[in-house]
Protein backbone atom coordinates (compact mmCIF):
# COMPACT_ATOMS: atom_id res chain seq x y z
CA MET A 1 -33.07 -10.85 -58.54
CA THR A 2 -32.24 -8.89 -55.21
CA LYS A 3 -35.16 -6.31 -54.98
CA LYS A 4 -33.92 -2.44 -54.83
CA ALA A 5 -34.69 0.61 -52.78
CA ILE A 6 -36.44 3.25 -54.93
CA TRP A 7 -37.20 6.65 -54.17
CA VAL A 8 -39.68 8.97 -55.69
CA ILE A 9 -39.18 12.62 -55.65
CA ASP A 10 -42.07 14.72 -57.03
CA ASP A 11 -44.49 17.42 -55.43
CA ASP A 12 -47.73 15.91 -56.93
CA ALA A 13 -49.54 14.44 -54.11
CA ILE A 14 -51.85 12.50 -56.28
CA TYR A 15 -48.84 11.15 -58.60
CA GLN A 16 -47.24 10.07 -55.52
CA ILE A 17 -50.18 8.01 -54.39
CA ILE A 18 -50.49 6.43 -57.87
CA VAL A 19 -46.75 5.72 -58.40
CA ASN A 20 -46.54 4.01 -54.91
CA LYS A 21 -49.49 1.99 -55.68
CA ILE A 22 -47.91 0.84 -58.95
CA ILE A 23 -44.66 0.13 -57.32
CA GLN A 24 -46.14 -1.84 -54.79
CA ARG A 25 -48.31 -4.09 -57.10
CA SER A 26 -45.01 -4.78 -58.86
CA GLU A 27 -43.45 -6.44 -56.08
CA MET A 28 -39.99 -5.71 -57.70
CA PHE A 29 -38.57 -3.19 -54.99
CA SER A 30 -37.89 -3.94 -51.25
CA THR A 31 -38.45 -0.29 -50.10
CA ILE A 32 -40.25 2.74 -51.52
CA THR A 33 -39.64 6.36 -49.86
CA SER A 34 -41.44 9.43 -51.18
CA PHE A 35 -40.36 12.95 -51.01
CA LYS A 36 -42.26 16.07 -52.10
CA ASN A 37 -39.09 18.15 -53.36
CA GLY A 38 -35.42 17.68 -54.23
CA LYS A 39 -34.30 19.39 -50.71
CA GLU A 40 -35.98 16.77 -48.61
CA ALA A 41 -34.41 13.96 -50.43
CA ILE A 42 -31.11 15.67 -50.43
CA ASP A 43 -31.16 16.36 -46.68
CA THR A 44 -32.02 12.69 -46.19
CA LEU A 45 -28.98 11.81 -48.27
CA HIS A 46 -26.62 14.46 -46.75
CA ASP A 47 -27.68 13.22 -43.08
CA THR A 48 -27.26 9.59 -43.99
CA VAL A 49 -23.66 10.45 -45.13
CA ASN A 50 -22.91 12.91 -42.54
CA ASN A 51 -23.92 10.45 -39.87
CA ARG A 52 -21.83 7.67 -41.35
CA LEU A 53 -24.86 5.79 -41.60
CA HIS A 54 -23.67 3.88 -44.56
CA ASN A 55 -27.10 1.97 -44.04
CA ASN A 56 -27.70 0.55 -47.78
CA ASP A 57 -31.56 0.43 -46.84
CA ILE A 58 -31.33 4.33 -46.59
CA ILE A 59 -29.32 5.02 -49.74
CA PRO A 60 -31.55 4.32 -52.70
CA ASP A 61 -30.52 2.13 -55.78
CA ILE A 62 -33.08 4.09 -57.96
CA ILE A 63 -34.44 7.55 -57.87
CA LEU A 64 -37.77 8.38 -59.85
CA LEU A 65 -37.09 12.26 -60.34
CA ASP A 66 -39.72 15.06 -61.37
CA ILE A 67 -38.16 18.10 -62.66
CA ASN A 68 -40.51 20.99 -61.96
CA MET A 69 -40.79 21.11 -58.18
CA PRO A 70 -40.92 24.13 -55.69
CA ILE A 71 -38.11 24.68 -53.11
CA MET A 72 -35.51 22.50 -55.14
CA ASP A 73 -36.12 21.27 -58.84
CA GLY A 74 -34.84 17.98 -60.28
CA TRP A 75 -31.86 19.71 -61.84
CA GLU A 76 -30.74 21.10 -58.46
CA PHE A 77 -31.13 18.13 -56.92
CA MET A 78 -28.88 16.37 -59.57
CA GLU A 79 -26.17 19.05 -58.71
CA LYS A 80 -26.21 18.53 -54.98
CA MET A 81 -26.28 14.78 -55.36
CA GLY A 82 -23.21 15.16 -57.79
CA MET A 83 -21.32 16.85 -54.94
CA LEU A 84 -22.26 13.92 -52.41
CA LYS A 85 -21.77 11.21 -54.86
CA SER A 86 -18.31 9.98 -53.96
CA LYS A 87 -19.47 9.35 -50.13
CA PHE A 88 -22.05 6.91 -51.32
CA SER A 89 -21.55 3.08 -50.70
CA LYS A 90 -23.40 2.56 -53.99
CA ASN A 91 -24.22 3.91 -57.24
CA ILE A 92 -27.55 5.51 -57.69
CA ASN A 93 -29.36 5.29 -60.91
CA VAL A 94 -31.75 8.12 -61.66
CA TYR A 95 -34.92 8.34 -64.12
CA ILE A 96 -36.21 11.66 -64.69
CA VAL A 97 -40.16 11.09 -64.61
CA SER A 98 -41.81 14.15 -66.08
CA SER A 99 -45.16 15.47 -67.65
CA SER A 100 -42.69 17.96 -69.79
CA ILE A 101 -42.16 16.87 -73.43
CA ALA A 102 -39.65 19.67 -73.58
CA THR A 103 -36.62 18.61 -76.06
CA GLU A 104 -34.25 20.84 -73.81
CA ASP A 105 -35.21 18.95 -70.64
CA LYS A 106 -34.59 15.57 -72.61
CA ASN A 107 -31.24 16.72 -74.00
CA LYS A 108 -30.10 18.04 -70.34
CA SER A 109 -30.94 14.88 -68.98
CA LYS A 110 -28.34 13.22 -71.16
CA THR A 111 -25.72 15.58 -69.58
CA TYR A 112 -25.76 13.64 -66.18
CA SER A 113 -23.90 10.23 -66.27
CA ASP A 114 -26.14 8.99 -63.27
CA ILE A 115 -29.54 9.69 -65.08
CA LEU A 116 -30.46 6.57 -67.04
CA GLY A 117 -33.56 7.46 -68.74
CA TYR A 118 -36.34 9.83 -68.98
CA LEU A 119 -40.06 8.61 -68.81
CA SER A 120 -43.26 10.16 -69.37
CA LYS A 121 -45.80 10.55 -66.61
CA PRO A 122 -47.51 8.31 -65.64
CA VAL A 123 -44.83 5.43 -64.96
CA THR A 124 -46.15 2.10 -66.16
CA ILE A 125 -45.56 -1.42 -64.64
CA ASN A 126 -43.49 -1.94 -68.02
CA ASP A 127 -41.41 1.22 -67.36
CA LEU A 128 -40.65 -0.50 -63.61
CA GLU A 129 -39.76 -3.70 -65.34
CA LEU A 130 -37.38 -2.05 -67.57
CA ILE A 131 -35.85 0.09 -64.44
CA ALA A 132 -35.41 -3.21 -62.36
CA SER A 133 -33.77 -5.12 -65.37
CA ASN A 134 -31.41 -2.41 -66.08
CA ASP A 135 -29.86 -2.20 -62.75
């Protein structure tokens, strides 16, 4: 199995540390990149596309996306990513990772074709195994 590049977009610094350690321990991913809000991640995707740096190491295979973040939340990120999607050289699979148990969030996540799942925090090794095998 080829190792995938994974991005974690979450404003919780402590959760970022925990999830990065879990991802590293899993040894299932080639690179881990973290962003503290959707805008940082979109800016990186935008720069990659506009600079024609179709570097598959920069564009992630998988994104673990929080919903509730300052500056740009998960839903706004999905809207902006949708506008850039046609310029990517590969498909990006998104998993919502949230502490929200709100049914409307779960239902809303199903309206995006790029969102393959809705996971509750904290992500576990089992979650990562499912994500890696799904891809």
